[in-house]
């Protein structure tokens, strides 16, 4: 019976050591998970302003910078929207004309 008691005591010591180790590791995991939670909140807090939340603009610490496009700004194209049909006046019929003037532009005459 002496050997059984010795084995039982060794197992009790081993279980106590393992229990202490499990408690230390659980405490470390708790610290790590709380730190991860803090780090995840930091970017969310930093990006929160009136444009990304329901906060009023007066609560912004600094004005959000407008997004700027890289390179040259594009000029607006003249005319109507692409894909839309043109609307032009119908020309007068020739019998409705009583006088025709032929004109030349001043620039055309000066370049001869």
PDB file of N, CA and C in Angstrom:
ATOM      1  N   UNK A   1       0.810  -1.187   0.000  1.00  0.00           N
ATOM      2  CA  UNK A   1       0.000   0.000   0.000  1.00  0.00           C
ATOM      3  C   UNK A   1       0.855   1.253   0.000  1.00  0.00           C
ATOM      4  N   UNK A   2       2.007   1.140   0.385  1.00  0.00           N
ATOM      5  CA  UNK A   2       2.892   2.286   0.451  1.00  0.00           C
ATOM      6  C   UNK A   2       3.154   2.850  -0.939  1.00  0.00           C
ATOM      7  N   UNK A   3       3.324   1.977  -1.928  1.00  0.00           N
ATOM      8  CA  UNK A   3       3.575   2.449  -3.294  1.00  0.00           C
ATOM      9  C   UNK A   3       2.337   3.131  -3.876  1.00  0.00           C
ATOM     10  N   UNK A   4       1.122   2.645  -3.503  1.00  0.00           N
ATOM     11  CA  UNK A   4      -0.097   3.297  -3.986  1.00  0.00           C
ATOM     12  C   UNK A   4      -0.223   4.703  -3.414  1.00  0.00           C
ATOM     13  N   UNK A   5       0.067   4.842  -2.140  1.00  0.00           N
ATOM     14  CA  UNK A   5      -0.014   6.160  -1.504  1.00  0.00           C
ATOM     15  C   UNK A   5       0.987   7.130  -2.115  1.00  0.00           C
ATOM     16  N   UNK A   6       2.156   6.596  -2.438  1.00  0.00           N
ATOM     17  CA  UNK A   6       3.199   7.428  -3.055  1.00  0.00           C
ATOM     18  C   UNK A   6       2.750   7.904  -4.443  1.00  0.00           C
ATOM     19  N   UNK A   7       2.179   7.043  -5.249  1.00  0.00           N
ATOM     20  CA  UNK A   7       1.691   7.385  -6.590  1.00  0.00           C
ATOM     21  C   UNK A   7       0.545   8.398  -6.491  1.00  0.00           C
ATOM     22  N   UNK A   8      -0.348   8.173  -5.527  1.00  0.00           N
ATOM     23  CA  UNK A   8      -1.488   9.085  -5.343  1.00  0.00           C
ATOM     24  C   UNK A   8      -0.981  10.482  -4.966  1.00  0.00           C
ATOM     25  N   UNK A   9       0.001  10.547  -4.094  1.00  0.00           N
ATOM     26  CA  UNK A   9       0.558  11.843  -3.681  1.00  0.00           C
ATOM     27  C   UNK A   9       1.238  12.536  -4.853  1.00  0.00           C
ATOM     28  N   UNK A  10       1.984  11.786  -5.661  1.00  0.00           N
ATOM     29  CA  UNK A  10       2.632  12.372  -6.846  1.00  0.00           C
ATOM     30  C   UNK A  10       1.588  12.905  -7.819  1.00  0.00           C
ATOM     31  N   UNK A  11       0.490  12.159  -7.989  1.00  0.00           N
ATOM     32  CA  UNK A  11      -0.574  12.618  -8.888  1.00  0.00           C
ATOM     33  C   UNK A  11      -1.259  13.881  -8.342  1.00  0.00           C
ATOM     34  N   UNK A  12      -1.453  13.936  -7.019  1.00  0.00           N
ATOM     35  CA  UNK A  12      -2.040  15.137  -6.422  1.00  0.00           C
ATOM     36  C   UNK A  12      -1.149  16.361  -6.642  1.00  0.00           C
ATOM     37  N   UNK A  13       0.151  16.185  -6.485  1.00  0.00           N
ATOM     38  CA  UNK A  13       1.096  17.286  -6.715  1.00  0.00           C
ATOM     39  C   UNK A  13       1.056  17.710  -8.177  1.00  0.00           C
ATOM     40  N   UNK A  14       1.016  16.736  -9.072  1.00  0.00           N
ATOM     41  CA  UNK A  14       0.964  17.026 -10.511  1.00  0.00           C
ATOM     42  C   UNK A  14      -0.323  17.775 -10.871  1.00  0.00           C
ATOM     43  N   UNK A  15      -1.435  17.350 -10.330  1.00  0.00           N
ATOM     44  CA  UNK A  15      -2.721  18.010 -10.595  1.00  0.00           C
ATOM     45  C   UNK A  15      -2.690  19.441 -10.058  1.00  0.00           C
ATOM     46  N   UNK A  16      -2.097  19.653  -8.880  1.00  0.00           N
ATOM     47  CA  UNK A  16      -2.010  21.004  -8.302  1.00  0.00           C
ATOM     48  C   UNK A  16      -1.155  21.911  -9.181  1.00  0.00           C
ATOM     49  N   UNK A  17      -0.010  21.380  -9.682  1.00  0.00           N
ATOM     50  CA  UNK A  17       0.852  22.172 -10.570  1.00  0.00           C
ATOM     51  C   UNK A  17       0.103  22.526 -11.860  1.00  0.00           C
ATOM     52  N   UNK A  18      -0.610  21.542 -12.430  1.00  0.00           N
ATOM     53  CA  UNK A  18      -1.344  21.790 -13.672  1.00  0.00           C
ATOM     54  C   UNK A  18      -2.474  22.797 -13.456  1.00  0.00           C
ATOM     55  N   UNK A  19      -3.134  22.727 -12.308  1.00  0.00           N
ATOM     56  CA  UNK A  19      -4.205  23.678 -12.006  1.00  0.00           C
ATOM     57  C   UNK A  19      -3.646  25.098 -11.900  1.00  0.00           C
ATOM     58  N   UNK A  20      -2.490  25.243 -11.271  1.00  0.00           N
ATOM     59  CA  UNK A  20      -1.857  26.560 -11.152  1.00  0.00           C
ATOM     60  C   UNK A  20      -1.455  27.089 -12.526  1.00  0.00           C
ATOM     61  N   UNK A  21      -0.924  26.194 -13.358  1.00  0.00           N
ATOM     62  CA  UNK A  21      -0.519  26.580 -14.710  1.00  0.00           C
ATOM     63  C   UNK A  21      -1.741  27.004 -15.527  1.00  0.00           C
ATOM     64  N   UNK A  22      -2.840  26.295 -15.402  1.00  0.00           N
ATOM     65  CA  UNK A  22      -4.070  26.638 -16.127  1.00  0.00           C
ATOM     66  C   UNK A  22      -4.579  28.016 -15.685  1.00  0.00           C
ATOM     67  N   UNK A  23      -4.508  28.304 -14.378  1.00  0.00           N
ATOM     68  CA  UNK A  23      -4.947  29.615 -13.882  1.00  0.00           C
ATOM     69  C   UNK A  23      -4.074  30.735 -14.443  1.00  0.00           C
ATOM     70  N   UNK A  24      -2.749  30.527 -14.473  1.00  0.00           N
ATOM     71  CA  UNK A  24      -1.845  31.546 -15.036  1.00  0.00           C
ATOM     72  C   UNK A  24      -2.151  31.793 -16.512  1.00  0.00           C
ATOM     73  N   UNK A  25      -2.343  30.713 -17.263  1.00  0.00           N
ATOM     74  CA  UNK A  25      -2.634  30.857 -18.697  1.00  0.00           C
ATOM     75  C   UNK A  25      -3.991  31.520 -18.925  1.00  0.00           C
ATOM     76  N   UNK A  26      -4.976  31.225 -18.095  1.00  0.00           N
ATOM     77  CA  UNK A  26      -6.288  31.866 -18.225  1.00  0.00           C
ATOM     78  C   UNK A  26      -6.178  33.358 -17.955  1.00  0.00           C
ATOM     79  N   UNK A  27      -5.351  33.738 -16.974  1.00  0.00           N
ATOM     80  CA  UNK A  27      -5.152  35.154 -16.683  1.00  0.00           C
ATOM     81  C   UNK A  27      -4.473  35.853 -17.854  1.00  0.00           C
ATOM     82  N   UNK A  28      -3.493  35.204 -18.451  1.00  0.00           N
ATOM     83  CA  UNK A  28      -2.816  35.777 -19.619  1.00  0.00           C
ATOM     84  C   UNK A  28      -3.781  35.929 -20.786  1.00  0.00           C
ATOM     85  N   UNK A  29      -4.633  34.938 -20.996  1.00  0.00           N
ATOM     86  CA  UNK A  29      -5.611  35.010 -22.090  1.00  0.00           C
ATOM     87  C   UNK A  29      -6.571  36.160 -21.858  1.00  0.00           C
ATOM     88  N   UNK A  30      -6.994  36.363 -20.600  1.00  0.00           N
ATOM     89  CA  UNK A  30      -7.891  37.473 -20.285  1.00  0.00           C
ATOM     90  C   UNK A  30      -7.232  38.815 -20.594  1.00  0.00           C
ATOM     91  N   UNK A  31      -5.947  38.946 -20.237  1.00  0.00           N
ATOM     92  CA  UNK A  31      -5.219  40.187 -20.528  1.00  0.00           C
ATOM     93  C   UNK A  31      -5.126  40.422 -22.034  1.00  0.00           C
ATOM     94  N   UNK A  32      -4.795  39.371 -22.768  1.00  0.00           N
ATOM     95  CA  UNK A  32      -4.629  39.487 -24.221  1.00  0.00           C
ATOM     96  C   UNK A  32      -5.955  39.844 -24.887  1.00  0.00           C
ATOM     97  N   UNK A  33      -7.037  39.182 -24.494  1.00  0.00           N
ATOM     98  CA  UNK A  33      -8.322  39.471 -25.129  1.00  0.00           C
ATOM     99  C   UNK A  33      -8.804  40.877 -24.802  1.00  0.00           C
ATOM    100  N   UNK A  34      -8.559  41.369 -23.600  1.00  0.00           N
ATOM    101  CA  UNK A  34      -8.966  42.743 -23.285  1.00  0.00           C
ATOM    102  C   UNK A  34      -8.125  43.744 -24.081  1.00  0.00           C
ATOM    103  N   UNK A  35      -6.847  43.459 -24.254  1.00  0.00           N
ATOM    104  CA  UNK A  35      -5.972  44.351 -25.040  1.00  0.00           C
ATOM    105  C   UNK A  35      -6.384  44.346 -26.509  1.00  0.00           C
ATOM    106  N   UNK A  36      -6.728  43.183 -27.040  1.00  0.00           N
ATOM    107  CA  UNK A  36      -7.181  43.088 -28.429  1.00  0.00           C
ATOM    108  C   UNK A  36      -8.454  43.899 -28.609  1.00  0.00           C
ATOM    109  N   UNK A  37      -9.371  43.813 -27.641  1.00  0.00           N
ATOM    110  CA  UNK A  37     -10.602  44.590 -27.707  1.00  0.00           C
ATOM    111  C   UNK A  37     -10.325  46.083 -27.719  1.00  0.00           C
ATOM    112  N   UNK A  38      -9.374  46.532 -26.891  1.00  0.00           N
ATOM    113  CA  UNK A  38      -8.996  47.953 -26.873  1.00  0.00           C
ATOM    114  C   UNK A  38      -8.415  48.382 -28.220  1.00  0.00           C
ATOM    115  N   UNK A  39      -7.546  47.548 -28.771  1.00  0.00           N
ATOM    116  CA  UNK A  39      -6.907  47.894 -30.040  1.00  0.00           C
ATOM    117  C   UNK A  39      -7.912  47.920 -31.184  1.00  0.00           C
ATOM    118  N   UNK A  40      -8.926  47.074 -31.125  1.00  0.00           N
ATOM    119  CA  UNK A  40      -9.938  47.083 -32.175  1.00  0.00           C
ATOM    120  C   UNK A  40     -10.797  48.337 -32.103  1.00  0.00           C
ATOM    121  N   UNK A  41     -11.007  48.873 -30.913  1.00  0.00           N
ATOM    122  CA  UNK A  41     -11.826  50.068 -30.759  1.00  0.00           C
ATOM    123  C   UNK A  41     -11.094  51.337 -31.184  1.00  0.00           C
ATOM    124  N   UNK A  42      -9.775  51.368 -31.085  1.00  0.00           N
ATOM    125  CA  UNK A  42      -9.033  52.587 -31.403  1.00  0.00           C
ATOM    126  C   UNK A  42      -9.260  53.076 -32.825  1.00  0.00           C
ATOM    127  N   UNK A  43      -9.138  52.231 -33.872  1.00  0.00           N
ATOM    128  CA  UNK A  43      -9.385  52.756 -35.217  1.00  0.00           C
ATOM    129  C   UNK A  43     -10.829  53.205 -35.396  1.00  0.00           C
ATOM    130  N   UNK A  44     -11.770  52.512 -34.772  1.00  0.00           N
ATOM    131  CA  UNK A  44     -13.168  52.895 -34.905  1.00  0.00           C
ATOM    132  C   UNK A  44     -13.410  54.263 -34.283  1.00  0.00           C
ATOM    133  N   UNK A  45     -12.793  54.527 -33.142  1.00  0.00           N
ATOM    134  CA  UNK A  45     -12.947  55.835 -32.498  1.00  0.00           C
ATOM    135  C   UNK A  45     -12.260  56.924 -33.310  1.00  0.00           C
ATOM    136  N   UNK A  46     -11.100  56.602 -33.883  1.00  0.00           N
ATOM    137  CA  UNK A  46     -10.351  57.602 -34.641  1.00  0.00           C
ATOM    138  C   UNK A  46     -11.088  57.996 -35.912  1.00  0.00           C
ATOM    139  N   UNK A  47     -11.822  57.084 -36.525  1.00  0.00           N
ATOM    140  CA  UNK A  47     -12.517  57.369 -37.775  1.00  0.00           C
ATOM    141  C   UNK A  47     -13.913  57.945 -37.555  1.00  0.00           C
ATOM    142  N   UNK A  48     -14.355  58.067 -36.316  1.00  0.00           N
ATOM    143  CA  UNK A  48     -15.715  58.491 -36.044  1.00  0.00           C
ATOM    144  C   UNK A  48     -15.798  60.017 -36.069  1.00  0.00           C
ATOM    145  N   UNK A  49     -16.557  60.546 -36.990  1.00  0.00           N
ATOM    146  CA  UNK A  49     -16.857  61.969 -37.045  1.00  0.00           C
ATOM    147  C   UNK A  49     -18.265  62.124 -37.600  1.00  0.00           C
ATOM    148  N   UNK A  50     -18.647  63.338 -37.904  1.00  0.00           N
ATOM    149  CA  UNK A  50     -20.030  63.573 -38.324  1.00  0.00           C
ATOM    150  C   UNK A  50     -20.355  62.932 -39.665  1.00  0.00           C
ATOM    151  N   UNK A  51     -19.346  62.642 -40.481  1.00  0.00           N
ATOM    152  CA  UNK A  51     -19.618  62.022 -41.779  1.00  0.00           C
ATOM    153  C   UNK A  51     -19.812  60.522 -41.666  1.00  0.00           C
ATOM    154  N   UNK A  52     -19.315  59.901 -40.580  1.00  0.00           N
ATOM    155  CA  UNK A  52     -19.412  58.449 -40.451  1.00  0.00           C
ATOM    156  C   UNK A  52     -20.311  58.019 -39.304  1.00  0.00           C
ATOM    157  N   UNK A  53     -21.008  58.966 -38.681  1.00  0.00           N
ATOM    158  CA  UNK A  53     -21.886  58.598 -37.577  1.00  0.00           C
ATOM    159  C   UNK A  53     -23.042  59.580 -37.526  1.00  0.00           C
ATOM    160  N   UNK A  54     -23.859  59.450 -36.502  1.00  0.00           N
ATOM    161  CA  UNK A  54     -25.001  60.356 -36.358  1.00  0.00           C
ATOM    162  C   UNK A  54     -24.657  61.574 -35.519  1.00  0.00           C
ATOM    163  N   UNK A  55     -23.366  61.798 -35.263  1.00  0.00           N
ATOM    164  CA  UNK A  55     -22.950  62.957 -34.480  1.00  0.00           C
ATOM    165  C   UNK A  55     -23.178  64.237 -35.274  1.00  0.00           C
ATOM    166  N   UNK A  56     -23.497  65.349 -34.607  1.00  0.00           N
ATOM    167  CA  UNK A  56     -23.645  66.619 -35.328  1.00  0.00           C
ATOM    168  C   UNK A  56     -22.276  67.149 -35.766  1.00  0.00           C
ATOM    169  N   UNK A  57     -22.217  67.917 -36.860  1.00  0.00           N
ATOM    170  CA  UNK A  57     -20.920  68.432 -37.332  1.00  0.00           C
ATOM    171  C   UNK A  57     -20.206  69.313 -36.323  1.00  0.00           C
ATOM    172  N   UNK A  58     -20.958  69.963 -35.433  1.00  0.00           N
ATOM    173  CA  UNK A  58     -20.318  70.833 -34.455  1.00  0.00           C
ATOM    174  C   UNK A  58     -19.494  70.053 -33.438  1.00  0.00           C
ATOM    175  N   UNK A  59     -19.711  68.735 -33.327  1.00  0.00           N
ATOM    176  CA  UNK A  59     -18.955  67.942 -32.364  1.00  0.00           C
ATOM    177  C   UNK A  59     -17.624  67.453 -32.934  1.00  0.00           C
ATOM    178  N   UNK A  60     -17.368  67.702 -34.204  1.00  0.00           N
ATOM    179  CA  UNK A  60     -16.092  67.289 -34.798  1.00  0.00           C
ATOM    180  C   UNK A  60     -14.967  68.139 -34.213  1.00  0.00           C
ATOM    181  N   UNK A  61     -13.870  67.482 -33.885  1.00  0.00           N
ATOM    182  CA  UNK A  61     -12.718  68.218 -33.367  1.00  0.00           C
ATOM    183  C   UNK A  61     -12.055  68.982 -34.506  1.00  0.00           C
ATOM    184  N   UNK A  62     -11.819  68.312 -35.584  1.00  0.00           N
ATOM    185  CA  UNK A  62     -11.228  68.936 -36.770  1.00  0.00           C
ATOM    186  C   UNK A  62     -12.129  68.635 -37.952  1.00  0.00           C
ATOM    187  N   UNK A  63     -12.127  69.525 -38.910  1.00  0.00           N
ATOM    188  CA  UNK A  63     -12.949  69.324 -40.100  1.00  0.00           C
ATOM    189  C   UNK A  63     -12.400  68.151 -40.903  1.00  0.00           C
ATOM    190  N   UNK A  64     -13.261  67.245 -41.371  1.00  0.00           N
ATOM    191  CA  UNK A  64     -12.762  66.152 -42.217  1.00  0.00           C
ATOM    192  C   UNK A  64     -12.286  66.695 -43.558  1.00  0.00           C
ATOM    193  N   UNK A  65     -11.165  66.175 -44.016  1.00  0.00           N
ATOM    194  CA  UNK A  65     -10.607  66.636 -45.281  1.00  0.00           C
ATOM    195  C   UNK A  65     -11.382  66.014 -46.439  1.00  0.00           C
ATOM    196  N   UNK A  66     -11.726  66.815 -47.433  1.00  0.00           N
ATOM    197  CA  UNK A  66     -12.413  66.230 -48.593  1.00  0.00           C
ATOM    198  C   UNK A  66     -11.434  65.370 -49.385  1.00  0.00           C
ATOM    199  N   UNK A  67     -11.955  64.308 -49.964  1.00  0.00           N
ATOM    200  CA  UNK A  67     -11.105  63.420 -50.745  1.00  0.00           C
ATOM    201  C   UNK A  67     -10.753  64.096 -52.062  1.00  0.00           C
ATOM    202  N   UNK A  68      -9.467  64.136 -52.359  1.00  0.00           N
ATOM    203  CA  UNK A  68      -9.008  64.774 -53.585  1.00  0.00           C
ATOM    204  C   UNK A  68      -8.546  63.720 -54.565  1.00  0.00           C
ATOM    205  N   UNK A  69      -8.871  63.950 -55.823  1.00  0.00           N
ATOM    206  CA  UNK A  69      -8.434  63.033 -56.870  1.00  0.00           C
ATOM    207  C   UNK A  69      -6.986  63.330 -57.224  1.00  0.00           C
ATOM    208  N   UNK A  70      -6.271  62.288 -57.557  1.00  0.00           N
ATOM    209  CA  UNK A  70      -4.885  62.442 -57.956  1.00  0.00           C
ATOM    210  C   UNK A  70      -4.821  62.929 -59.399  1.00  0.00           C
ATOM    211  N   UNK A  71      -3.831  63.741 -59.702  1.00  0.00           N
ATOM    212  CA  UNK A  71      -3.638  64.187 -61.072  1.00  0.00           C
ATOM    213  C   UNK A  71      -4.453  65.409 -61.411  1.00  0.00           C
ATOM    214  N   UNK A  72      -4.606  65.629 -62.686  1.00  0.00           N
ATOM    215  CA  UNK A  72      -5.318  66.790 -63.187  1.00  0.00           C
ATOM    216  C   UNK A  72      -6.823  66.646 -63.029  1.00  0.00           C
ATOM    217  N   UNK A  73      -7.503  67.723 -62.659  1.00  0.00           N
ATOM    218  CA  UNK A  73      -8.968  67.623 -62.631  1.00  0.00           C
ATOM    219  C   UNK A  73      -9.515  67.612 -64.056  1.00  0.00           C
ATOM    220  N   UNK A  74     -10.531  66.813 -64.294  1.00  0.00           N
ATOM    221  CA  UNK A  74     -11.095  66.709 -65.632  1.00  0.00           C
ATOM    222  C   UNK A  74     -12.020  67.885 -65.899  1.00  0.00           C
ATOM    223  N   UNK A  75     -11.969  68.404 -67.130  1.00  0.00           N
ATOM    224  CA  UNK A  75     -12.868  69.475 -67.527  1.00  0.00           C
ATOM    225  C   UNK A  75     -14.195  68.869 -67.950  1.00  0.00           C
ATOM    226  N   UNK A  76     -15.254  69.607 -67.708  1.00  0.00           N
ATOM    227  CA  UNK A  76     -16.568  69.131 -68.138  1.00  0.00           C
ATOM    228  C   UNK A  76     -16.668  69.259 -69.638  1.00  0.00           C
ATOM    229  N   UNK A  77     -17.255  68.273 -70.259  1.00  0.00           N
ATOM    230  CA  UNK A  77     -17.417  68.284 -71.702  1.00  0.00           C
ATOM    231  C   UNK A  77     -18.631  69.120 -72.066  1.00  0.00           C
ATOM    232  N   UNK A  78     -18.495  69.852 -73.148  1.00  0.00           N
ATOM    233  CA  UNK A  78     -19.569  70.709 -73.606  1.00  0.00           C
ATOM    234  C   UNK A  78     -20.660  69.875 -74.274  1.00  0.00           C
ATOM    235  N   UNK A  79     -21.907  70.306 -74.113  1.00  0.00           N
ATOM    236  CA  UNK A  79     -23.008  69.638 -74.795  1.00  0.00           C
ATOM    237  C   UNK A  79     -23.879  68.849 -73.851  1.00  0.00           C
ATOM    238  N   UNK A  80     -24.783  68.100 -74.451  1.00  0.00           N
ATOM    239  CA  UNK A  80     -25.740  67.321 -73.672  1.00  0.00           C
ATOM    240  C   UNK A  80     -25.146  66.027 -73.171  1.00  0.00           C
ATOM    241  N   UNK A  81     -25.969  65.278 -72.501  1.00  0.00           N
ATOM    242  CA  UNK A  81     -25.508  64.008 -71.962  1.00  0.00           C
ATOM    243  C   UNK A  81     -25.347  62.994 -73.084  1.00  0.00           C
ATOM    244  N   UNK A  82     -24.343  62.132 -72.910  1.00  0.00           N
ATOM    245  CA  UNK A  82     -24.088  61.134 -73.943  1.00  0.00           C
ATOM    246  C   UNK A  82     -25.242  60.149 -74.011  1.00  0.00           C
ATOM    247  N   UNK A  83     -25.587  59.761 -75.224  1.00  0.00           N
ATOM    248  CA  UNK A  83     -26.648  58.793 -75.414  1.00  0.00           C
ATOM    249  C   UNK A  83     -28.021  59.414 -75.606  1.00  0.00           C
ATOM    250  N   UNK A  84     -28.144  60.722 -75.400  1.00  0.00           N
ATOM    251  CA  UNK A  84     -29.445  61.366 -75.574  1.00  0.00           C
ATOM    252  C   UNK A  84     -29.599  61.879 -77.004  1.00  0.00           C
ATOM    253  N   UNK A  85     -30.803  61.829 -77.495  1.00  0.00           N
ATOM    254  CA  UNK A  85     -31.091  62.247 -78.871  1.00  0.00           C
ATOM    255  C   UNK A  85     -31.061  63.768 -78.972  1.00  0.00           C
ATOM    256  N   UNK A  86     -30.526  64.284 -80.081  1.00  0.00           N
ATOM    257  CA  UNK A  86     -30.467  65.731 -80.301  1.00  0.00           C
ATOM    258  C   UNK A  86     -31.841  66.270 -80.647  1.00  0.00           C
ATOM    259  N   UNK A  87     -32.091  67.502 -80.247  1.00  0.00           N
ATOM    260  CA  UNK A  87     -33.341  68.186 -80.582  1.00  0.00           C
ATOM    261  C   UNK A  87     -32.978  69.442 -81.380  1.00  0.00           C
ATOM    262  N   UNK A  88     -33.232  69.415 -82.683  1.00  0.00           N
ATOM    263  CA  UNK A  88     -32.901  70.539 -83.557  1.00  0.00           C
ATOM    264  C   UNK A  88     -34.166  71.092 -84.194  1.00  0.00           C
ATOM    265  N   UNK A  89     -34.104  72.380 -84.557  1.00  0.00           N
ATOM    266  CA  UNK A  89     -35.216  72.971 -85.303  1.00  0.00           C
ATOM    267  C   UNK A  89     -35.218  72.440 -86.719  1.00  0.00           C
ATOM    268  N   UNK A  90     -36.399  72.300 -87.265  1.00  0.00           N
ATOM    269  CA  UNK A  90     -36.491  71.893 -88.666  1.00  0.00           C
ATOM    270  C   UNK A  90     -36.137  73.089 -89.537  1.00  0.00           C
ATOM    271  N   UNK A  91     -35.327  72.881 -90.586  1.00  0.00           N
ATOM    272  CA  UNK A  91     -34.991  74.016 -91.462  1.00  0.00           C
ATOM    273  C   UNK A  91     -36.220  74.464 -92.256  1.00  0.00           C
ATOM    274  N   UNK A  92     -36.206  75.750 -92.603  1.00  0.00           N
ATOM    275  CA  UNK A  92     -37.315  76.284 -93.396  1.00  0.00           C
ATOM    276  C   UNK A  92     -37.267  75.697 -94.801  1.00  0.00           C
ATOM    277  N   UNK A  93     -38.403  75.471 -95.410  1.00  0.00           N
ATOM    278  CA  UNK A  93     -38.393  75.004 -96.793  1.00  0.00           C
ATOM    279  C   UNK A  93     -37.918  76.132 -97.716  1.00  0.00           C
ATOM    280  N   UNK A  94     -37.318  75.814 -98.877  1.00  0.00           N
ATOM    281  CA  UNK A  94     -36.770  76.840 -99.771  1.00  0.00           C
ATOM    282  C   UNK A  94     -37.824  77.851-100.240  1.00  0.00           C
ATOM    283  N   UNK A  95     -39.067  77.442-100.399  1.00  0.00           N
ATOM    284  CA  UNK A  95     -40.085  78.381-100.862  1.00  0.00           C
ATOM    285  C   UNK A  95     -40.457  79.408 -99.792  1.00  0.00           C
ATOM    286  N   UNK A  96     -40.103  79.156 -98.558  1.00  0.00           N
ATOM    287  CA  UNK A  96     -40.405  80.112 -97.493  1.00  0.00           C
ATOM    288  C   UNK A  96     -39.353  81.209 -97.424  1.00  0.00           C
ATOM    289  N   UNK A  97     -38.209  81.033 -98.098  1.00  0.00           N
ATOM    290  CA  UNK A  97     -37.145  82.041 -98.090  1.00  0.00           C
ATOM    291  C   UNK A  97     -37.372  83.040 -99.208  1.00  0.00           C
ATOM    292  N   UNK A  98     -37.230  84.330 -98.897  1.00  0.00           N
ATOM    293  CA  UNK A  98     -37.383  85.329 -99.939  1.00  0.00           C
ATOM    294  C   UNK A  98     -36.067  86.036-100.234  1.00  0.00           C
ATOM    295  N   UNK A  99     -35.056  85.918 -99.350  1.00  0.00           N
ATOM    296  CA  UNK A  99     -33.783  86.568 -99.590  1.00  0.00           C
ATOM    297  C   UNK A  99     -32.670  85.735 -98.944  1.00  0.00           C
ATOM    298  N   UNK A 100     -31.558  85.514 -99.679  1.00  0.00           N
ATOM    299  CA  UNK A 100     -30.428  84.747 -99.163  1.00  0.00           C
ATOM    300  C   UNK A 100     -29.198  85.629 -99.217  1.00  0.00           C
ATOM    301  N   UNK A 101     -28.477  85.713 -98.096  1.00  0.00           N
ATOM    302  CA  UNK A 101     -27.233  86.480 -98.024  1.00  0.00           C
ATOM    303  C   UNK A 101     -26.069  85.500 -97.941  1.00  0.00           C
ATOM    304  N   UNK A 102     -25.067  85.649 -98.802  1.00  0.00           N
ATOM    305  CA  UNK A 102     -23.847  84.849 -98.731  1.00  0.00           C
ATOM    306  C   UNK A 102     -22.804  85.689 -98.027  1.00  0.00           C
ATOM    307  N   UNK A 103     -22.278  85.199 -96.913  1.00  0.00           N
ATOM    308  CA  UNK A 103     -21.304  85.953 -96.128  1.00  0.00           C
ATOM    309  C   UNK A 103     -20.015  85.153 -96.005  1.00  0.00           C
ATOM    310  N   UNK A 104     -18.962  85.894 -95.869  1.00  0.00           N
ATOM    311  CA  UNK A 104     -17.672  85.288 -95.582  1.00  0.00           C
ATOM    312  C   UNK A 104     -17.167  85.874 -94.278  1.00  0.00           C
ATOM    313  N   UNK A 105     -16.545  85.020 -93.475  1.00  0.00           N
ATOM    314  CA  UNK A 105     -16.011  85.479 -92.208  1.00  0.00           C
ATOM    315  C   UNK A 105     -14.780  86.342 -92.455  1.00  0.00           C
ATOM    316  N   UNK A 106     -14.552  87.318 -91.606  1.00  0.00           N
ATOM    317  CA  UNK A 106     -13.418  88.227 -91.745  1.00  0.00           C
ATOM    318  C   UNK A 106     -12.113  87.441 -91.684  1.00  0.00           C
ATOM    319  N   UNK A 107     -12.047  86.417 -90.880  1.00  0.00           N
ATOM    320  CA  UNK A 107     -10.818  85.625 -90.758  1.00  0.00           C
ATOM    321  C   UNK A 107     -10.500  84.887 -92.062  1.00  0.00           C
ATOM    322  N   UNK A 108     -11.509  84.475 -92.775  1.00  0.00           N
ATOM    323  CA  UNK A 108     -11.280  83.753 -94.021  1.00  0.00           C
ATOM    324  C   UNK A 108     -10.640  84.688 -95.051  1.00  0.00           C
ATOM    325  N   UNK A 109     -11.040  85.961 -95.059  1.00  0.00           N
ATOM    326  CA  UNK A 109     -10.514  86.918 -96.026  1.00  0.00           C
ATOM    327  C   UNK A 109      -9.064  87.300 -95.674  1.00  0.00           C
ATOM    328  N   UNK A 110      -8.719  87.360 -94.383  1.00  0.00           N
ATOM    329  CA  UNK A 110      -7.382  87.812 -94.011  1.00  0.00           C
ATOM    330  C   UNK A 110      -6.321  86.722 -94.198  1.00  0.00           C
ATOM    331  N   UNK A 111      -6.695  85.470 -94.312  1.00  0.00           N
ATOM    332  CA  UNK A 111      -5.729  84.398 -94.462  1.00  0.00           C
ATOM    333  C   UNK A 111      -5.430  84.048 -95.912  1.00  0.00           C
ATOM    334  N   UNK A 112      -5.933  84.773 -96.846  1.00  0.00           N
ATOM    335  CA  UNK A 112      -5.678  84.459 -98.262  1.00  0.00           C
ATOM    336  C   UNK A 112      -4.332  84.856 -98.715  1.00  0.00           C
TER     337      UNK A 112
END
